[in-house]
Amino acid sequence: MAAQLVTLLERLITHDGSLETSVPGLLLHRACRPTEPLATLARPSMCLIAQGAKELVLGTSLYRYDPQHFLLVSADVPVEAQVVVASPEAPYLSLSLELDHAMVCELAAQQRPLELPQSVSALAVSAVPAPLLDAVTRLVALLETAHACHDCAVLSPLVLREITYRLLNSEQGPRLRQMFMADGSAQRILRTLRWLREHYAEPVRIEDLAREARLSPSALHQHFKAVTAMSPLQYQKSLRLHEARRLMLRDGLDASEACFRVGYESPSQFSREYRRLFGAPPRQDVDDARRVAPLSPQLNG
């Protein structure tokens, strides 16, 4: 089954980069050589490698995954990602599939009750269960059938439902339930993350965030760091810088426009913090990114 997935991806994505597909949320990725570390915003998703290996860093924790292990991302978190095993003869081949919040909640409600962890990180790596690999391979195979568009429209929702079911019944099932369903600290942190994503350009007071999350400031800091490996203010800063990069890369804004659009008041402070995160000043980083066309900066596949 693993060899079949490699063959499918080799036919479907023939150049380095990321490829959107007709299945909502499904992207394919390829790289013919190891990449430099890239600051990126990981989205809630399941990431599976058919060939090669990749490493992500969240805070001080390193997560490595390969064809025997899949990555589960259960919240939006800024990470540093790097393809570490790839060559022209055996390119890195992977896929990322965004999690459907409503589908996770619906299927989780049908599962038997179980004890949920109290505090979880947004990232986890586990061995790939055979039923999950089989379902993912069948989903990818739909992309090259004789009637791919029609087949994907009709059949992909069924396979996506099966993949979600397999994830909920994998080693990471309790993590998904904790992050997506339980009315505990993790769910409150997810609501805080959503608020910060929607208001990243606004001034933030920890007391206000804590009140919205119905937690004390110290409890908010503790649980927020457990999920994201950073404080709420560090998280907001990372969101601002990632959005500024997107505005420059995709919308053509210059550094000054992007700086003020995302809530910075000082261009010099923006430039310093941008360079610290992305490794180069805004203009140089954007020029380099356009020249080398790296893997999608919004997904961690």
C-alpha atoms as a PDB file:
ATOM      1  CA  MET A   1       0.000   0.000   0.000  1.00  0.00           C
ATOM      2  CA  ALA A   2       2.861   2.424   0.796  1.00  0.00           C
ATOM      3  CA  ALA A   3       4.458   1.721  -2.600  1.00  0.00           C
ATOM      4  CA  GLN A   4       1.101   2.382  -4.281  1.00  0.00           C
ATOM      5  CA  LEU A   5       0.874   5.805  -2.629  1.00  0.00           C
ATOM      6  CA  VAL A   6       4.401   6.667  -3.808  1.00  0.00           C
ATOM      7  CA  THR A   7       3.470   5.714  -7.380  1.00  0.00           C
ATOM      8  CA  LEU A   8       0.283   7.778  -7.260  1.00  0.00           C
ATOM      9  CA  LEU A   9       2.030  10.883  -5.945  1.00  0.00           C
ATOM     10  CA  GLU A  10       4.877  10.563  -8.451  1.00  0.00           C
ATOM     11  CA  ARG A  11       2.319  10.694 -11.263  1.00  0.00           C
ATOM     12  CA  LEU A  12       0.182  13.450  -9.750  1.00  0.00           C
ATOM     13  CA  ILE A  13       2.841  15.967  -8.694  1.00  0.00           C
ATOM     14  CA  THR A  14       5.815  16.153 -11.041  1.00  0.00           C
ATOM     15  CA  HIS A  15       7.506  19.390  -9.913  1.00  0.00           C
ATOM     16  CA  ASP A  16       8.776  20.638  -6.573  1.00  0.00           C
ATOM     17  CA  GLY A  17       6.224  22.585  -4.580  1.00  0.00           C
ATOM     18  CA  SER A  18       2.643  22.120  -3.431  1.00  0.00           C
ATOM     19  CA  LEU A  19      -0.348  21.171  -5.554  1.00  0.00           C
ATOM     20  CA  GLU A  20      -3.965  21.944  -4.730  1.00  0.00           C
ATOM     21  CA  THR A  21      -6.385  19.181  -5.635  1.00  0.00           C
ATOM     22  CA  SER A  22     -10.088  18.912  -6.369  1.00  0.00           C
ATOM     23  CA  VAL A  23     -10.597  17.400  -2.899  1.00  0.00           C
ATOM     24  CA  PRO A  24     -11.230  20.261  -0.431  1.00  0.00           C
ATOM     25  CA  GLY A  25      -8.327  20.653   1.984  1.00  0.00           C
ATOM     26  CA  LEU A  26      -6.075  18.103   0.279  1.00  0.00           C
ATOM     27  CA  LEU A  27      -2.659  19.286  -0.918  1.00  0.00           C
ATOM     28  CA  LEU A  28       0.184  17.248  -2.396  1.00  0.00           C
ATOM     29  CA  HIS A  29       3.838  18.144  -1.805  1.00  0.00           C
ATOM     30  CA  ARG A  30       7.134  17.284  -3.512  1.00  0.00           C
ATOM     31  CA  ALA A  31      10.803  18.222  -3.009  1.00  0.00           C
ATOM     32  CA  CYS A  32      13.821  16.771  -4.812  1.00  0.00           C
ATOM     33  CA  ARG A  33      16.318  17.881  -2.173  1.00  0.00           C
ATOM     34  CA  PRO A  34      16.337  18.782   1.538  1.00  0.00           C
ATOM     35  CA  THR A  35      15.102  22.299   2.276  1.00  0.00           C
ATOM     36  CA  GLU A  36      16.252  25.044   4.614  1.00  0.00           C
ATOM     37  CA  PRO A  37      14.202  25.532   7.792  1.00  0.00           C
ATOM     38  CA  LEU A  38      11.106  27.591   6.978  1.00  0.00           C
ATOM     39  CA  ALA A  39       8.944  29.481   9.463  1.00  0.00           C
ATOM     40  CA  THR A  40       5.380  28.520   8.627  1.00  0.00           C
ATOM     41  CA  LEU A  41       1.895  28.474  10.118  1.00  0.00           C
ATOM     42  CA  ALA A  42       0.670  24.920  10.604  1.00  0.00           C
ATOM     43  CA  ARG A  43      -3.093  24.450  10.257  1.00  0.00           C
ATOM     44  CA  PRO A  44      -5.263  21.730  11.868  1.00  0.00           C
ATOM     45  CA  SER A  45      -4.487  18.816   9.574  1.00  0.00           C
ATOM     46  CA  MET A  46      -3.243  15.275   9.108  1.00  0.00           C
ATOM     47  CA  CYS A  47       0.081  15.059   7.264  1.00  0.00           C
ATOM     48  CA  LEU A  48       1.341  11.806   5.791  1.00  0.00           C
ATOM     49  CA  ILE A  49       4.643  11.168   3.999  1.00  0.00           C
ATOM     50  CA  ALA A  50       4.916   8.552   1.247  1.00  0.00           C
ATOM     51  CA  GLN A  51       8.661   9.006   0.685  1.00  0.00           C
ATOM     52  CA  GLY A  52      11.361  10.998   2.496  1.00  0.00           C
ATOM     53  CA  ALA A  53      11.203  12.655   5.913  1.00  0.00           C
ATOM     54  CA  LYS A  54      10.417  16.022   7.478  1.00  0.00           C
ATOM     55  CA  GLU A  55      11.025  17.759  10.788  1.00  0.00           C
ATOM     56  CA  LEU A  56       8.973  20.429  12.551  1.00  0.00           C
ATOM     57  CA  VAL A  57      10.017  22.450  15.566  1.00  0.00           C
ATOM     58  CA  LEU A  58       7.427  23.859  17.957  1.00  0.00           C
ATOM     59  CA  GLY A  59       9.039  25.767  20.792  1.00  0.00           C
ATOM     60  CA  THR A  60      11.833  23.514  22.000  1.00  0.00           C
ATOM     61  CA  SER A  61      10.231  20.269  20.789  1.00  0.00           C
ATOM     62  CA  LEU A  62      11.279  18.491  17.582  1.00  0.00           C
ATOM     63  CA  TYR A  63       8.756  16.387  15.632  1.00  0.00           C
ATOM     64  CA  ARG A  64      10.089  14.097  12.891  1.00  0.00           C
ATOM     65  CA  TYR A  65       7.831  12.074  10.624  1.00  0.00           C
ATOM     66  CA  ASP A  66       8.365   9.722   7.696  1.00  0.00           C
ATOM     67  CA  PRO A  67       6.461   6.977   5.792  1.00  0.00           C
ATOM     68  CA  GLN A  68       5.993   5.014   9.020  1.00  0.00           C
ATOM     69  CA  HIS A  69       4.705   7.963  11.053  1.00  0.00           C
ATOM     70  CA  PHE A  70       2.038  10.613  10.453  1.00  0.00           C
ATOM     71  CA  LEU A  71       1.780  14.112  11.895  1.00  0.00           C
ATOM     72  CA  LEU A  72      -1.418  15.388  13.484  1.00  0.00           C
ATOM     73  CA  VAL A  73      -1.844  19.155  13.913  1.00  0.00           C
ATOM     74  CA  SER A  74      -4.819  20.031  16.098  1.00  0.00           C
ATOM     75  CA  ALA A  75      -4.499  23.852  16.286  1.00  0.00           C
ATOM     76  CA  ASP A  76      -3.052  26.751  14.279  1.00  0.00           C
ATOM     77  CA  VAL A  77       0.536  27.082  15.478  1.00  0.00           C
ATOM     78  CA  PRO A  78       3.658  28.761  14.078  1.00  0.00           C
ATOM     79  CA  VAL A  79       6.391  26.169  13.520  1.00  0.00           C
ATOM     80  CA  GLU A  80       9.727  25.804  11.758  1.00  0.00           C
ATOM     81  CA  ALA A  81       9.534  23.114   9.053  1.00  0.00           C
ATOM     82  CA  GLN A  82      12.278  21.395   7.064  1.00  0.00           C
ATOM     83  CA  VAL A  83      12.393  18.515   4.573  1.00  0.00           C
ATOM     84  CA  VAL A  84      15.371  16.462   5.765  1.00  0.00           C
ATOM     85  CA  VAL A  85      15.326  13.413   3.476  1.00  0.00           C
ATOM     86  CA  ALA A  86      14.887  13.924  -0.291  1.00  0.00           C
ATOM     87  CA  SER A  87      16.844  13.392  -3.512  1.00  0.00           C
ATOM     88  CA  PRO A  88      16.216  13.572  -7.268  1.00  0.00           C
ATOM     89  CA  GLU A  89      16.192   9.752  -7.349  1.00  0.00           C
ATOM     90  CA  ALA A  90      13.785   9.474  -4.390  1.00  0.00           C
ATOM     91  CA  PRO A  91      11.984  12.824  -3.968  1.00  0.00           C
ATOM     92  CA  TYR A  92      10.137  13.795  -0.839  1.00  0.00           C
ATOM     93  CA  LEU A  93       6.441  13.049  -1.482  1.00  0.00           C
ATOM     94  CA  SER A  94       3.692  13.855   0.990  1.00  0.00           C
ATOM     95  CA  LEU A  95       0.149  15.066   1.439  1.00  0.00           C
ATOM     96  CA  SER A  96      -1.641  17.255   3.949  1.00  0.00           C
ATOM     97  CA  LEU A  97      -5.362  17.084   4.651  1.00  0.00           C
ATOM     98  CA  GLU A  98      -7.104  19.812   6.636  1.00  0.00           C
ATOM     99  CA  LEU A  99      -9.360  18.572   9.421  1.00  0.00           C
ATOM    100  CA  ASP A 100     -13.062  19.300   9.118  1.00  0.00           C
ATOM    101  CA  HIS A 101     -14.097  20.569  12.556  1.00  0.00           C
ATOM    102  CA  ALA A 102     -17.787  19.709  12.128  1.00  0.00           C
ATOM    103  CA  MET A 103     -17.009  16.193  10.899  1.00  0.00           C
ATOM    104  CA  VAL A 104     -14.589  15.538  13.776  1.00  0.00           C
ATOM    105  CA  CYS A 105     -17.203  16.654  16.309  1.00  0.00           C
ATOM    106  CA  GLU A 106     -19.997  14.638  14.688  1.00  0.00           C
ATOM    107  CA  LEU A 107     -18.031  11.388  14.561  1.00  0.00           C
ATOM    108  CA  ALA A 108     -16.446  11.901  17.976  1.00  0.00           C
ATOM    109  CA  ALA A 109     -19.924  12.222  19.509  1.00  0.00           C
ATOM    110  CA  GLN A 110     -20.679   8.719  18.239  1.00  0.00           C
ATOM    111  CA  GLN A 111     -17.606   7.167  19.900  1.00  0.00           C
ATOM    112  CA  ARG A 112     -17.634   5.532  23.299  1.00  0.00           C
ATOM    113  CA  PRO A 113     -16.639   7.783  26.210  1.00  0.00           C
ATOM    114  CA  LEU A 114     -12.985   7.721  27.220  1.00  0.00           C
ATOM    115  CA  GLU A 115     -10.636   9.517  29.550  1.00  0.00           C
ATOM    116  CA  LEU A 116      -9.283  12.665  27.922  1.00  0.00           C
ATOM    117  CA  PRO A 117      -5.834  14.156  28.547  1.00  0.00           C
ATOM    118  CA  GLN A 118      -5.880  17.383  30.535  1.00  0.00           C
ATOM    119  CA  SER A 119      -3.194  19.219  28.582  1.00  0.00           C
ATOM    120  CA  VAL A 120      -2.068  18.520  25.030  1.00  0.00           C
ATOM    121  CA  SER A 121       0.365  19.962  22.519  1.00  0.00           C
ATOM    122  CA  ALA A 122      -0.955  21.058  19.131  1.00  0.00           C
ATOM    123  CA  LEU A 123       1.431  18.616  17.396  1.00  0.00           C
ATOM    124  CA  ALA A 124       1.809  14.863  17.690  1.00  0.00           C
ATOM    125  CA  VAL A 125       3.512  12.089  15.702  1.00  0.00           C
ATOM    126  CA  SER A 126       2.264   8.493  15.698  1.00  0.00           C
ATOM    127  CA  ALA A 127       2.766   5.283  13.755  1.00  0.00           C
ATOM    128  CA  VAL A 128       0.564   5.111  10.650  1.00  0.00           C
ATOM    129  CA  PRO A 129      -2.257   2.578  11.170  1.00  0.00           C
ATOM    130  CA  ALA A 130      -2.792   0.320   8.132  1.00  0.00           C
ATOM    131  CA  PRO A 131      -6.510   1.246   7.814  1.00  0.00           C
ATOM    132  CA  LEU A 132      -5.621   4.960   7.749  1.00  0.00           C
ATOM    133  CA  LEU A 133      -2.987   4.434   5.045  1.00  0.00           C
ATOM    134  CA  ASP A 134      -5.466   2.405   3.007  1.00  0.00           C
ATOM    135  CA  ALA A 135      -8.143   5.128   3.214  1.00  0.00           C
ATOM    136  CA  VAL A 136      -5.675   7.900   2.319  1.00  0.00           C
ATOM    137  CA  THR A 137      -4.397   5.909  -0.678  1.00  0.00           C
ATOM    138  CA  ARG A 138      -7.951   5.410  -1.958  1.00  0.00           C
ATOM    139  CA  LEU A 139      -8.625   9.144  -1.589  1.00  0.00           C
ATOM    140  CA  VAL A 140      -5.542  10.054  -3.635  1.00  0.00           C
ATOM    141  CA  ALA A 141      -6.415   7.405  -6.236  1.00  0.00           C
ATOM    142  CA  LEU A 142      -9.689   9.231  -6.929  1.00  0.00           C
ATOM    143  CA  LEU A 143      -7.662  12.112  -8.386  1.00  0.00           C
ATOM    144  CA  GLU A 144      -6.610  10.123 -11.448  1.00  0.00           C
ATOM    145  CA  THR A 145      -9.653   8.021 -12.281  1.00  0.00           C
ATOM    146  CA  ALA A 146     -11.214   8.294 -15.753  1.00  0.00           C
ATOM    147  CA  HIS A 147     -13.950  10.500 -14.284  1.00  0.00           C
ATOM    148  CA  ALA A 148     -11.889  12.130 -11.528  1.00  0.00           C
ATOM    149  CA  CYS A 149     -13.995  15.277 -11.062  1.00  0.00           C
ATOM    150  CA  HIS A 150     -17.258  13.359 -10.735  1.00  0.00           C
ATOM    151  CA  ASP A 151     -15.690  10.581  -8.658  1.00  0.00           C
ATOM    152  CA  CYS A 152     -14.122  13.077  -6.251  1.00  0.00           C
ATOM    153  CA  ALA A 153     -17.365  15.013  -5.891  1.00  0.00           C
ATOM    154  CA  VAL A 154     -19.361  11.870  -5.065  1.00  0.00           C
ATOM    155  CA  LEU A 155     -16.867   9.596  -3.328  1.00  0.00           C
ATOM    156  CA  SER A 156     -14.340  11.863  -1.583  1.00  0.00           C
ATOM    157  CA  PRO A 157     -16.802  12.920   1.181  1.00  0.00           C
ATOM    158  CA  LEU A 158     -17.244   9.242   2.048  1.00  0.00           C
ATOM    159  CA  VAL A 159     -13.500   8.567   2.158  1.00  0.00           C
ATOM    160  CA  LEU A 160     -12.854  11.785   4.097  1.00  0.00           C
ATOM    161  CA  ARG A 161     -15.389  10.616   6.649  1.00  0.00           C
ATOM    162  CA  GLU A 162     -13.591   7.278   6.915  1.00  0.00           C
ATOM    163  CA  ILE A 163     -10.210   9.014   7.350  1.00  0.00           C
ATOM    164  CA  THR A 164     -11.639  11.150  10.165  1.00  0.00           C
ATOM    165  CA  TYR A 165     -13.077   8.006  11.784  1.00  0.00           C
ATOM    166  CA  ARG A 166      -9.679   6.269  11.511  1.00  0.00           C
ATOM    167  CA  LEU A 167      -7.955   9.259  13.135  1.00  0.00           C
ATOM    168  CA  LEU A 168     -10.458   9.264  16.002  1.00  0.00           C
ATOM    169  CA  ASN A 169      -9.780   5.576  16.578  1.00  0.00           C
ATOM    170  CA  SER A 170      -6.008   5.915  16.323  1.00  0.00           C
ATOM    171  CA  GLU A 171      -3.552   6.624  19.118  1.00  0.00           C
ATOM    172  CA  GLN A 172      -4.333  10.317  18.600  1.00  0.00           C
ATOM    173  CA  GLY A 173      -8.100   9.923  18.993  1.00  0.00           C
ATOM    174  CA  PRO A 174      -8.170  11.246  22.585  1.00  0.00           C
ATOM    175  CA  ARG A 175      -6.128  14.277  21.491  1.00  0.00           C
ATOM    176  CA  LEU A 176      -8.630  15.110  18.752  1.00  0.00           C
ATOM    177  CA  ARG A 177     -11.555  14.806  21.134  1.00  0.00           C
ATOM    178  CA  GLN A 178      -9.857  16.994  23.711  1.00  0.00           C
ATOM    179  CA  MET A 179      -9.035  19.728  21.207  1.00  0.00           C
ATOM    180  CA  PHE A 180     -12.275  19.672  19.220  1.00  0.00           C
ATOM    181  CA  MET A 181     -15.013  18.664  21.649  1.00  0.00           C
ATOM    182  CA  ALA A 182     -14.327  18.702  25.359  1.00  0.00           C
ATOM    183  CA  ASP A 183     -15.429  21.781  27.295  1.00  0.00           C
ATOM    184  CA  GLY A 184     -12.160  21.938  29.176  1.00  0.00           C
ATOM    185  CA  SER A 185      -8.982  23.961  29.120  1.00  0.00           C
ATOM    186  CA  ALA A 186      -7.949  22.831  25.612  1.00  0.00           C
ATOM    187  CA  GLN A 187     -11.275  23.926  24.131  1.00  0.00           C
ATOM    188  CA  ARG A 188     -10.976  27.281  25.872  1.00  0.00           C
ATOM    189  CA  ILE A 189      -7.489  27.716  24.437  1.00  0.00           C
ATOM    190  CA  LEU A 190      -8.822  26.915  20.957  1.00  0.00           C
ATOM    191  CA  ARG A 191     -11.419  29.661  21.373  1.00  0.00           C
ATOM    192  CA  THR A 192      -8.629  32.017  22.424  1.00  0.00           C
ATOM    193  CA  LEU A 193      -6.585  31.041  19.356  1.00  0.00           C
ATOM    194  CA  ARG A 194      -9.564  31.752  17.107  1.00  0.00           C
ATOM    195  CA  TRP A 195     -10.062  35.158  18.737  1.00  0.00           C
ATOM    196  CA  LEU A 196      -6.400  36.041  18.262  1.00  0.00           C
ATOM    197  CA  ARG A 197      -6.491  34.969  14.598  1.00  0.00           C
ATOM    198  CA  GLU A 198      -9.516  37.218  13.994  1.00  0.00           C
ATOM    199  CA  HIS A 199      -8.099  40.204  15.940  1.00  0.00           C
ATOM    200  CA  TYR A 200      -4.339  39.795  15.483  1.00  0.00           C
ATOM    201  CA  ALA A 201      -3.882  43.468  14.494  1.00  0.00           C
ATOM    202  CA  GLU A 202      -5.556  44.786  17.654  1.00  0.00           C
ATOM    203  CA  PRO A 203      -3.874  45.545  21.015  1.00  0.00           C
ATOM    204  CA  VAL A 204      -4.295  42.633  23.427  1.00  0.00           C
ATOM    205  CA  ARG A 205      -4.453  42.541  27.213  1.00  0.00           C
ATOM    206  CA  ILE A 206      -3.862  39.215  28.931  1.00  0.00           C
ATOM    207  CA  GLU A 207      -6.579  40.026  31.458  1.00  0.00           C
ATOM    208  CA  ASP A 208      -9.136  40.404  28.670  1.00  0.00           C
ATOM    209  CA  LEU A 209      -8.087  37.130  27.034  1.00  0.00           C
ATOM    210  CA  ALA A 210      -8.275  35.329  30.372  1.00  0.00           C
ATOM    211  CA  ARG A 211     -11.758  36.700  31.043  1.00  0.00           C
ATOM    212  CA  GLU A 212     -12.977  35.561  27.609  1.00  0.00           C
ATOM    213  CA  ALA A 213     -11.459  32.107  28.177  1.00  0.00           C
ATOM    214  CA  ARG A 214     -12.954  31.922  31.695  1.00  0.00           C
ATOM    215  CA  LEU A 215      -9.497  31.221  33.110  1.00  0.00           C
ATOM    216  CA  SER A 216      -7.206  33.083  35.458  1.00  0.00           C
ATOM    217  CA  PRO A 217      -4.282  34.843  33.747  1.00  0.00           C
ATOM    218  CA  SER A 218      -1.835  32.300  35.186  1.00  0.00           C
ATOM    219  CA  ALA A 219      -3.997  29.332  34.069  1.00  0.00           C
ATOM    220  CA  LEU A 220      -4.407  30.864  30.604  1.00  0.00           C
ATOM    221  CA  HIS A 221      -0.640  31.225  30.262  1.00  0.00           C
ATOM    222  CA  GLN A 222      -0.044  27.652  31.463  1.00  0.00           C
ATOM    223  CA  HIS A 223      -2.582  25.975  29.177  1.00  0.00           C
ATOM    224  CA  PHE A 224      -1.835  28.247  26.204  1.00  0.00           C
ATOM    225  CA  LYS A 225       1.849  27.373  26.384  1.00  0.00           C
ATOM    226  CA  ALA A 226       1.070  23.659  26.666  1.00  0.00           C
ATOM    227  CA  VAL A 227      -0.807  23.808  23.341  1.00  0.00           C
ATOM    228  CA  THR A 228       1.295  26.307  21.382  1.00  0.00           C
ATOM    229  CA  ALA A 229       4.696  26.316  23.162  1.00  0.00           C
ATOM    230  CA  MET A 230       4.492  30.119  23.444  1.00  0.00           C
ATOM    231  CA  SER A 231       2.697  32.851  25.349  1.00  0.00           C
ATOM    232  CA  PRO A 232      -0.440  34.549  23.940  1.00  0.00           C
ATOM    233  CA  LEU A 233       1.536  37.706  23.093  1.00  0.00           C
ATOM    234  CA  GLN A 234       4.286  35.707  21.357  1.00  0.00           C
ATOM    235  CA  TYR A 235       1.577  33.885  19.415  1.00  0.00           C
ATOM    236  CA  GLN A 236      -0.037  37.162  18.335  1.00  0.00           C
ATOM    237  CA  LYS A 237       3.340  38.509  17.202  1.00  0.00           C
ATOM    238  CA  SER A 238       3.935  35.389  15.102  1.00  0.00           C
ATOM    239  CA  LEU A 239       0.472  35.686  13.537  1.00  0.00           C
ATOM    240  CA  ARG A 240       1.182  39.316  12.618  1.00  0.00           C
ATOM    241  CA  LEU A 241       4.498  38.471  10.977  1.00  0.00           C
ATOM    242  CA  HIS A 242       3.088  35.525   9.024  1.00  0.00           C
ATOM    243  CA  GLU A 243       0.195  37.652   7.792  1.00  0.00           C
ATOM    244  CA  ALA A 244       2.588  40.439   6.794  1.00  0.00           C
ATOM    245  CA  ARG A 245       4.625  37.928   4.797  1.00  0.00           C
ATOM    246  CA  ARG A 246       1.465  36.701   3.072  1.00  0.00           C
ATOM    247  CA  LEU A 247       0.430  40.260   2.220  1.00  0.00           C
ATOM    248  CA  MET A 248       3.820  40.964   0.656  1.00  0.00           C
ATOM    249  CA  LEU A 249       4.086  37.653  -1.206  1.00  0.00           C
ATOM    250  CA  ARG A 250       0.529  37.317  -2.476  1.00  0.00           C
ATOM    251  CA  ASP A 251      -0.919  40.830  -2.493  1.00  0.00           C
ATOM    252  CA  GLY A 252       2.215  42.739  -3.481  1.00  0.00           C
ATOM    253  CA  LEU A 253       2.273  45.115  -0.490  1.00  0.00           C
ATOM    254  CA  ASP A 254       5.590  46.672   0.416  1.00  0.00           C
ATOM    255  CA  ALA A 255       7.068  46.234   3.900  1.00  0.00           C
ATOM    256  CA  SER A 256       5.747  49.551   5.252  1.00  0.00           C
ATOM    257  CA  GLU A 257       2.180  48.848   4.126  1.00  0.00           C
ATOM    258  CA  ALA A 258       2.261  45.324   5.502  1.00  0.00           C
ATOM    259  CA  CYS A 259       3.784  46.540   8.757  1.00  0.00           C
ATOM    260  CA  PHE A 260       0.926  48.940   9.536  1.00  0.00           C
ATOM    261  CA  ARG A 261      -1.761  46.611   8.146  1.00  0.00           C
ATOM    262  CA  VAL A 262      -0.948  43.907  10.711  1.00  0.00           C
ATOM    263  CA  GLY A 263      -0.830  46.268  13.676  1.00  0.00           C
ATOM    264  CA  TYR A 264       2.795  47.375  14.030  1.00  0.00           C
ATOM    265  CA  GLU A 265       3.422  51.051  14.782  1.00  0.00           C
ATOM    266  CA  SER A 266       7.204  50.972  14.303  1.00  0.00           C
ATOM    267  CA  PRO A 267       8.660  49.849  10.932  1.00  0.00           C
ATOM    268  CA  SER A 268      12.060  49.357  12.533  1.00  0.00           C
ATOM    269  CA  GLN A 269      10.604  47.047  15.195  1.00  0.00           C
ATOM    270  CA  PHE A 270       8.681  45.187  12.481  1.00  0.00           C
ATOM    271  CA  SER A 271      11.846  44.702  10.434  1.00  0.00           C
ATOM    272  CA  ARG A 272      13.838  43.446  13.446  1.00  0.00           C
ATOM    273  CA  GLU A 273      11.189  40.943  14.479  1.00  0.00           C
ATOM    274  CA  TYR A 274      10.565  39.847  10.887  1.00  0.00           C
ATOM    275  CA  ARG A 275      14.259  39.124  10.400  1.00  0.00           C
ATOM    276  CA  ARG A 276      14.399  37.222  13.693  1.00  0.00           C
ATOM    277  CA  LEU A 277      11.547  34.943  12.590  1.00  0.00           C
ATOM    278  CA  PHE A 278      12.227  34.493   8.873  1.00  0.00           C
ATOM    279  CA  GLY A 279      16.019  34.905   8.837  1.00  0.00           C
ATOM    280  CA  ALA A 280      16.169  37.920   6.505  1.00  0.00           C
ATOM    281  CA  PRO A 281      14.750  41.478   6.218  1.00  0.00           C
ATOM    282  CA  PRO A 282      11.263  41.677   4.668  1.00  0.00           C
ATOM    283  CA  ARG A 283      12.277  42.705   1.128  1.00  0.00           C
ATOM    284  CA  GLN A 284      15.110  40.172   0.882  1.00  0.00           C
ATOM    285  CA  ASP A 285      12.977  37.361   2.286  1.00  0.00           C
ATOM    286  CA  VAL A 286      10.116  38.044  -0.134  1.00  0.00           C
ATOM    287  CA  ASP A 287      12.489  38.291  -3.108  1.00  0.00           C
ATOM    288  CA  ASP A 288      14.149  35.000  -2.111  1.00  0.00           C
ATOM    289  CA  ALA A 289      10.781  33.298  -1.606  1.00  0.00           C
ATOM    290  CA  ARG A 290       9.562  34.353  -5.037  1.00  0.00           C
ATOM    291  CA  ARG A 291      12.790  33.189  -6.648  1.00  0.00           C
ATOM    292  CA  VAL A 292      12.999  29.721  -5.132  1.00  0.00           C
ATOM    293  CA  ALA A 293       9.204  29.079  -4.893  1.00  0.00           C
ATOM    294  CA  PRO A 294       9.354  26.994  -1.708  1.00  0.00           C
ATOM    295  CA  LEU A 295       6.700  24.621  -0.439  1.00  0.00           C
ATOM    296  CA  SER A 296       3.488  26.333   0.587  1.00  0.00           C
ATOM    297  CA  PRO A 297       4.167  28.623   3.569  1.00  0.00           C
ATOM    298  CA  GLN A 298       0.675  28.042   4.953  1.00  0.00           C
ATOM    299  CA  LEU A 299       0.725  24.284   5.324  1.00  0.00           C
ATOM    300  CA  ASN A 300       3.156  21.908   6.903  1.00  0.00           C
ATOM    301  CA  GLY A 301       2.818  18.934   4.557  1.00  0.00           C
END
